[in-house]
Amino acid sequence: MKAVFQNLWSFLNRLCDRPTEFAPWEMLIMRATFAWLVLWSITKQTPPSSQTIPNGLALLADLTWLARPEIWAMAPWVAAVGLAAFVIGVASPVSLLAPASIYIAMGSLLKSQGAIKHYNQLIAMALLAFWLASTVWTVMRFLKERKLSVIDPTAMQRTAVYWVMVSIAAGYVTSAFSKLIATEGMWIFMTPNLAVQLVKSHLTVFHDTITTVQTVDYPPLAGYLVEHTWIAPILFGPGLILELFFFLALAGRAWTAIFGLVGIAMHMIIAVVMNLVFPEHEALMLIFFVNIPYWLVAGCVALQTRRKQDFSTP
């Protein structure tokens, strides 16, 4: 048993000490697609003009000024300037400050209406991780070597990407533990109630908007799950296991891609069953975990190597 715990401890140490050595071109694609995702997420939001039940930063300050038309019209442009500098690798501790501040403040305002939604949560965490990693790395380098650089060093970019992946993985693991703690470990056995709650919530929406909505828009499988409650644990149980062990996605490229693909599949199933869509989460999985450009290049290189070996064989 002692050997098992020693091996587990060694494995966890490797997760922390040996982040994937992403190539500069990989990280350029990651930064560019992530910047696009952040900007898209900002522009699709309509900030409310009040913070009925303050949450997050709204507990410390009144954020309703963000909803003023002239301010909100300017916010995406300010964020875009910082994101453009971030993409080309110019002083991320400075260039990410405005986009991260705008996005987190916007999220706080949106979540100050009495209902917590999670669709932009991971983007905010990733932005904060990018900024924190870049800032901490820069400060530590200055303290050790008395050096500052306008262009982000490759080592700093790798550290920042790794922090982002850790923050995303931590978000899923935290979600799993939250479910288990809230239900005293009985979450899987309580999943049949999810379908019932979905039907009740859609009935509430229907009765609140009965003058404009003529039919109840149930999620596709909600009614079926209410009638066949035994399917719910089979359908939702694997998602809890995936979240609980999502830290394994940091174990190497293959593990990262597998967990990324399975994570996307999980969100697609949730969309079908519960009518809850998380395109931001799926995009983050695609960018940082699945990493399609790397596998395309790796496949081409492997194919080219195989052809050379075939030609050289007499």
Protein backbone atom coordinates (compact mmCIF):
# COMPACT_ATOMS: atom_id res chain seq x y z
CA MET A 1 0.00 0.00 0.00
CA LYS A 2 2.89 2.33 0.81
CA ALA A 3 4.32 1.76 -2.68
CA VAL A 4 0.95 2.64 -4.23
CA PHE A 5 0.81 5.99 -2.40
CA GLN A 6 4.46 6.70 -3.31
CA ASN A 7 3.74 6.07 -7.01
CA LEU A 8 0.62 8.24 -6.84
CA TRP A 9 2.58 11.05 -5.15
CA SER A 10 5.32 10.76 -7.79
CA PHE A 11 2.72 10.93 -10.56
CA LEU A 12 1.09 14.03 -9.06
CA ASN A 13 4.52 15.69 -8.77
CA ARG A 14 5.15 15.05 -12.46
CA LEU A 15 1.85 16.73 -13.28
CA CYS A 16 3.04 19.85 -11.46
CA ASP A 17 6.70 19.88 -12.52
CA ARG A 18 6.63 18.83 -16.16
CA PRO A 19 4.15 20.82 -18.23
CA THR A 20 3.86 19.96 -21.91
CA GLU A 21 6.55 21.59 -24.02
CA PHE A 22 4.30 23.41 -26.46
CA ALA A 23 6.02 24.80 -29.53
CA PRO A 24 5.88 28.57 -30.15
CA TRP A 25 3.62 28.12 -33.20
CA GLU A 26 1.18 26.04 -31.12
CA MET A 27 0.95 28.72 -28.47
CA LEU A 28 0.47 31.41 -31.13
CA ILE A 29 -2.56 29.53 -32.45
CA MET A 30 -3.82 29.01 -28.91
CA ARG A 31 -3.49 32.69 -28.04
CA ALA A 32 -5.13 33.80 -31.29
CA THR A 33 -8.12 31.47 -30.98
CA PHE A 34 -8.49 32.23 -27.27
CA ALA A 35 -8.43 35.98 -27.96
CA TRP A 36 -11.14 35.52 -30.59
CA LEU A 37 -13.20 33.50 -28.09
CA VAL A 38 -12.89 36.20 -25.42
CA LEU A 39 -13.85 38.96 -27.84
CA TRP A 40 -16.78 36.95 -29.20
CA SER A 41 -18.00 36.27 -25.66
CA ILE A 42 -17.78 39.97 -24.77
CA THR A 43 -19.63 41.19 -27.84
CA LYS A 44 -22.51 38.73 -27.44
CA GLN A 45 -23.29 39.94 -23.90
CA THR A 46 -25.87 42.56 -22.96
CA PRO A 47 -24.99 43.78 -19.48
CA PRO A 48 -27.97 44.47 -17.18
CA SER A 49 -28.46 47.97 -15.82
CA SER A 50 -28.81 46.86 -12.20
CA GLN A 51 -27.15 44.50 -9.74
CA THR A 52 -30.13 43.31 -7.73
CA ILE A 53 -28.17 40.74 -5.72
CA PRO A 54 -24.47 41.74 -5.86
CA ASN A 55 -22.01 38.92 -6.45
CA GLY A 56 -18.25 38.78 -6.91
CA LEU A 57 -16.68 42.17 -7.62
CA ALA A 58 -20.16 43.71 -7.37
CA LEU A 59 -19.90 43.17 -3.60
CA LEU A 60 -17.08 45.70 -3.59
CA ALA A 61 -18.27 48.25 -6.15
CA ASP A 62 -21.23 49.34 -8.24
CA LEU A 63 -20.63 47.88 -11.72
CA THR A 64 -23.80 49.15 -13.39
CA TRP A 65 -21.78 51.87 -15.13
CA LEU A 66 -20.63 49.12 -17.50
CA ALA A 67 -24.16 48.96 -18.91
CA ARG A 68 -24.11 52.57 -20.07
CA PRO A 69 -24.35 52.44 -23.89
CA GLU A 70 -21.28 54.60 -24.52
CA ILE A 71 -19.17 52.55 -22.09
CA TRP A 72 -20.28 49.16 -23.37
CA ALA A 73 -19.80 50.23 -26.99
CA MET A 74 -16.18 51.11 -26.20
CA ALA A 75 -15.38 48.08 -24.00
CA PRO A 76 -14.88 45.52 -26.84
CA TRP A 77 -12.50 47.89 -28.64
CA VAL A 78 -10.41 48.42 -25.51
CA ALA A 79 -10.33 44.66 -24.92
CA ALA A 80 -9.46 44.04 -28.59
CA VAL A 81 -6.36 46.25 -28.39
CA GLY A 82 -5.08 44.38 -25.37
CA LEU A 83 -5.92 41.00 -26.90
CA ALA A 84 -4.12 41.89 -30.14
CA ALA A 85 -0.95 42.71 -28.19
CA PHE A 86 -1.40 39.49 -26.22
CA VAL A 87 -1.67 37.41 -29.40
CA ILE A 88 1.62 38.66 -30.80
CA GLY A 89 3.24 38.19 -27.40
CA VAL A 90 3.74 41.77 -26.24
CA ALA A 91 3.97 42.27 -22.45
CA SER A 92 1.10 40.00 -21.40
CA PRO A 93 1.09 41.30 -17.79
CA VAL A 94 0.11 44.70 -19.24
CA SER A 95 -1.77 43.77 -22.42
CA LEU A 96 -4.09 41.31 -20.64
CA LEU A 97 -4.94 43.68 -17.79
CA ALA A 98 -7.75 45.52 -19.63
CA PRO A 99 -9.38 42.44 -21.27
CA ALA A 100 -9.29 40.47 -18.00
CA SER A 101 -10.68 43.37 -15.98
CA ILE A 102 -13.49 44.03 -18.46
CA TYR A 103 -14.46 40.38 -18.72
CA ILE A 104 -14.41 39.68 -14.99
CA ALA A 105 -16.34 42.87 -14.21
CA MET A 106 -18.87 42.01 -16.89
CA GLY A 107 -19.25 38.49 -15.47
CA SER A 108 -19.74 39.86 -11.97
CA LEU A 109 -22.50 42.17 -13.18
CA LEU A 110 -24.23 39.38 -15.10
CA LYS A 111 -24.10 37.16 -12.02
CA SER A 112 -25.56 39.84 -9.77
CA GLN A 113 -29.14 39.28 -10.90
CA GLY A 114 -30.05 36.51 -8.46
CA ALA A 115 -29.22 33.53 -10.70
CA ILE A 116 -25.73 32.15 -11.27
CA LYS A 117 -24.90 31.04 -14.80
CA HIS A 118 -21.66 29.28 -15.65
CA TYR A 119 -21.26 29.77 -19.40
CA ASN A 120 -18.51 32.45 -19.10
CA GLN A 121 -16.94 31.16 -15.89
CA LEU A 122 -14.08 29.17 -17.45
CA ILE A 123 -13.12 31.99 -19.83
CA ALA A 124 -12.79 34.35 -16.86
CA MET A 125 -10.66 31.76 -15.04
CA ALA A 126 -8.48 31.24 -18.11
CA LEU A 127 -7.99 34.99 -18.57
CA LEU A 128 -7.06 35.39 -14.92
CA ALA A 129 -4.68 32.41 -15.14
CA PHE A 130 -2.99 33.85 -18.23
CA TRP A 131 -2.54 37.22 -16.55
CA LEU A 132 -1.42 35.84 -13.18
CA ALA A 133 1.06 33.39 -14.71
CA SER A 134 2.56 36.08 -16.94
CA THR A 135 2.79 38.58 -14.09
CA VAL A 136 4.25 36.16 -11.53
CA TRP A 137 6.76 34.82 -14.06
CA THR A 138 7.84 38.34 -15.03
CA VAL A 139 8.21 39.49 -11.42
CA MET A 140 10.17 36.37 -10.43
CA ARG A 141 12.50 36.76 -13.40
CA PHE A 142 13.11 40.40 -12.57
CA LEU A 143 13.88 39.57 -8.94
CA LYS A 144 16.30 36.81 -9.93
CA GLU A 145 17.95 38.20 -13.07
CA ARG A 146 17.02 41.90 -13.08
CA LYS A 147 15.65 41.44 -16.61
CA LEU A 148 12.48 42.72 -18.24
CA SER A 149 11.31 41.91 -21.74
CA VAL A 150 8.68 43.57 -23.90
CA ILE A 151 8.23 40.34 -25.89
CA ASP A 152 6.93 37.38 -23.88
CA PRO A 153 9.66 34.71 -23.61
CA THR A 154 8.73 31.21 -24.75
CA ALA A 155 9.21 29.85 -21.22
CA MET A 156 6.72 32.36 -19.87
CA GLN A 157 4.18 31.50 -22.56
CA ARG A 158 4.47 27.79 -21.74
CA THR A 159 3.98 28.49 -18.06
CA ALA A 160 0.92 30.64 -18.79
CA VAL A 161 -0.70 28.01 -21.03
CA TYR A 162 -0.07 25.37 -18.37
CA TRP A 163 -1.68 27.56 -15.70
CA VAL A 164 -4.70 27.97 -17.97
CA MET A 165 -4.99 24.19 -18.38
CA VAL A 166 -4.65 23.71 -14.62
CA SER A 167 -7.37 26.31 -13.97
CA ILE A 168 -9.77 24.60 -16.40
CA ALA A 169 -9.04 21.15 -14.95
CA ALA A 170 -9.48 22.54 -11.43
CA GLY A 171 -12.84 23.98 -12.43
CA TYR A 172 -14.15 20.56 -13.41
CA VAL A 173 -12.70 18.80 -10.36
CA THR A 174 -14.24 21.48 -8.13
CA SER A 175 -17.58 20.96 -9.85
CA ALA A 176 -17.44 17.24 -9.05
CA PHE A 177 -16.57 17.80 -5.40
CA SER A 178 -19.30 20.44 -5.10
CA LYS A 179 -21.88 17.89 -6.30
CA LEU A 180 -20.62 15.26 -3.87
CA ILE A 181 -20.44 17.63 -0.91
CA ALA A 182 -23.88 19.14 -1.55
CA THR A 183 -25.48 15.68 -1.76
CA GLU A 184 -23.32 14.00 0.89
CA GLY A 185 -21.88 11.64 -1.71
CA MET A 186 -25.28 10.61 -3.09
CA TRP A 187 -25.27 12.72 -6.27
CA ILE A 188 -25.47 9.81 -8.71
CA PHE A 189 -28.45 8.34 -6.86
CA MET A 190 -30.18 11.71 -6.95
CA THR A 191 -29.77 12.25 -10.71
CA PRO A 192 -33.35 11.09 -11.49
CA ASN A 193 -34.47 14.32 -9.81
CA LEU A 194 -32.61 16.35 -12.46
CA ALA A 195 -35.14 15.50 -15.13
CA VAL A 196 -38.02 16.36 -12.80
CA GLN A 197 -36.42 19.71 -11.96
CA LEU A 198 -35.94 20.43 -15.68
CA VAL A 199 -39.60 19.79 -16.40
CA LYS A 200 -40.64 21.96 -13.43
CA SER A 201 -38.37 24.84 -14.50
CA HIS A 202 -39.70 24.76 -18.07
CA LEU A 203 -43.27 24.67 -16.79
CA THR A 204 -42.48 27.75 -14.69
CA VAL A 205 -41.12 29.58 -17.75
CA PHE A 206 -44.22 28.55 -19.71
CA HIS A 207 -46.63 29.89 -17.09
CA ASP A 208 -44.62 33.10 -16.71
CA THR A 209 -44.76 33.76 -20.47
CA ILE A 210 -48.05 32.09 -21.36
CA THR A 211 -49.24 35.11 -23.34
CA THR A 212 -46.36 34.81 -25.81
CA VAL A 213 -45.38 31.12 -25.54
CA GLN A 214 -48.07 28.65 -26.56
CA THR A 215 -46.27 25.36 -25.83
CA VAL A 216 -43.82 24.13 -23.22
CA ASP A 217 -40.35 23.86 -24.73
CA TYR A 218 -38.99 20.84 -22.86
CA PRO A 219 -35.43 19.60 -23.39
CA PRO A 220 -35.57 16.74 -25.93
CA LEU A 221 -35.12 13.87 -23.43
CA ALA A 222 -36.48 15.42 -20.22
CA GLY A 223 -39.92 13.84 -20.47
CA TYR A 224 -38.44 10.45 -21.33
CA LEU A 225 -36.13 10.59 -18.29
CA VAL A 226 -39.03 11.45 -16.02
CA GLU A 227 -40.79 8.28 -17.15
CA HIS A 228 -37.60 6.16 -17.09
CA THR A 229 -35.68 7.46 -14.08
CA TRP A 230 -33.29 4.48 -14.04
CA ILE A 231 -31.53 5.88 -17.13
CA ALA A 232 -30.43 9.09 -15.40
CA PRO A 233 -27.60 7.57 -13.31
CA ILE A 234 -26.27 5.78 -16.40
CA LEU A 235 -26.42 8.98 -18.41
CA PHE A 236 -25.07 11.45 -15.85
CA GLY A 237 -22.80 9.21 -13.76
CA PRO A 238 -19.88 9.11 -16.25
CA GLY A 239 -19.86 12.92 -16.32
CA LEU A 240 -19.22 13.04 -12.57
CA ILE A 241 -16.36 10.54 -12.91
CA LEU A 242 -14.88 12.56 -15.76
CA GLU A 243 -14.98 15.77 -13.71
CA LEU A 244 -13.58 14.05 -10.63
CA PHE A 245 -10.51 12.77 -12.50
CA PHE A 246 -10.06 15.67 -14.90
CA PHE A 247 -6.65 16.44 -13.37
CA LEU A 248 -5.35 13.44 -15.36
CA ALA A 249 -5.71 15.64 -18.46
CA LEU A 250 -2.42 17.24 -17.38
CA ALA A 251 -0.49 13.96 -17.65
CA GLY A 252 0.65 14.43 -21.27
CA ARG A 253 -0.50 15.20 -24.79
CA ALA A 254 -2.45 11.98 -25.33
CA TRP A 255 -4.25 12.24 -21.99
CA THR A 256 -4.95 15.91 -22.66
CA ALA A 257 -6.52 15.22 -26.06
CA ILE A 258 -8.58 12.29 -24.75
CA PHE A 259 -10.01 14.27 -21.84
CA GLY A 260 -10.65 17.22 -24.15
CA LEU A 261 -12.65 15.09 -26.60
CA VAL A 262 -14.57 13.32 -23.83
CA GLY A 263 -15.25 16.70 -22.18
CA ILE A 264 -16.71 18.07 -25.41
CA ALA A 265 -18.83 14.92 -25.77
CA MET A 266 -20.09 15.40 -22.20
CA HIS A 267 -21.23 18.94 -22.95
CA MET A 268 -22.92 17.81 -26.17
CA ILE A 269 -24.85 15.16 -24.21
CA ILE A 270 -25.84 17.79 -21.63
CA ALA A 271 -27.07 20.02 -24.46
CA VAL A 272 -29.27 17.24 -25.85
CA VAL A 273 -30.60 16.00 -22.52
CA MET A 274 -30.91 19.23 -20.53
CA ASN A 275 -30.98 21.90 -23.24
CA LEU A 276 -28.01 23.60 -21.51
CA VAL A 277 -25.38 24.69 -24.00
CA PHE A 278 -21.81 25.64 -23.11
CA PRO A 279 -20.09 26.62 -26.38
CA GLU A 280 -17.44 28.57 -24.45
CA HIS A 281 -16.45 25.47 -22.48
CA GLU A 282 -16.32 23.35 -25.61
CA ALA A 283 -14.20 25.96 -27.39
CA LEU A 284 -11.71 26.06 -24.50
CA MET A 285 -11.45 22.26 -24.62
CA LEU A 286 -10.84 22.41 -28.34
CA ILE A 287 -8.17 25.12 -28.06
CA PHE A 288 -6.11 23.97 -25.09
CA PHE A 289 -6.82 20.26 -24.74
CA VAL A 290 -7.70 18.72 -28.11
CA ASN A 291 -5.19 21.01 -29.87
CA ILE A 292 -6.06 19.94 -33.44
CA PRO A 293 -3.16 21.84 -35.14
CA TYR A 294 -0.57 19.82 -33.21
CA TRP A 295 -2.10 16.46 -34.12
CA LEU A 296 -2.41 17.48 -37.77
CA VAL A 297 1.27 18.45 -37.89
CA ALA A 298 2.29 15.36 -35.92
CA GLY A 299 0.31 13.16 -38.32
CA CYS A 300 1.90 14.78 -41.36
CA VAL A 301 5.39 14.38 -39.88
CA ALA A 302 4.75 10.73 -39.03
CA LEU A 303 3.41 10.09 -42.54
CA GLN A 304 6.41 11.81 -44.12
CA THR A 305 8.81 9.78 -41.96
CA ARG A 306 7.03 6.57 -42.93
CA ARG A 307 7.32 7.42 -46.63
CA LYS A 308 11.04 8.14 -46.31
CA GLN A 309 11.55 4.78 -44.59
CA ASP A 310 9.59 3.01 -47.34
CA PHE A 311 11.70 4.67 -50.06
CA SER A 312 14.96 3.86 -48.27
CA THR A 313 14.04 0.19 -47.83
CA PRO A 314 15.66 -1.87 -50.64
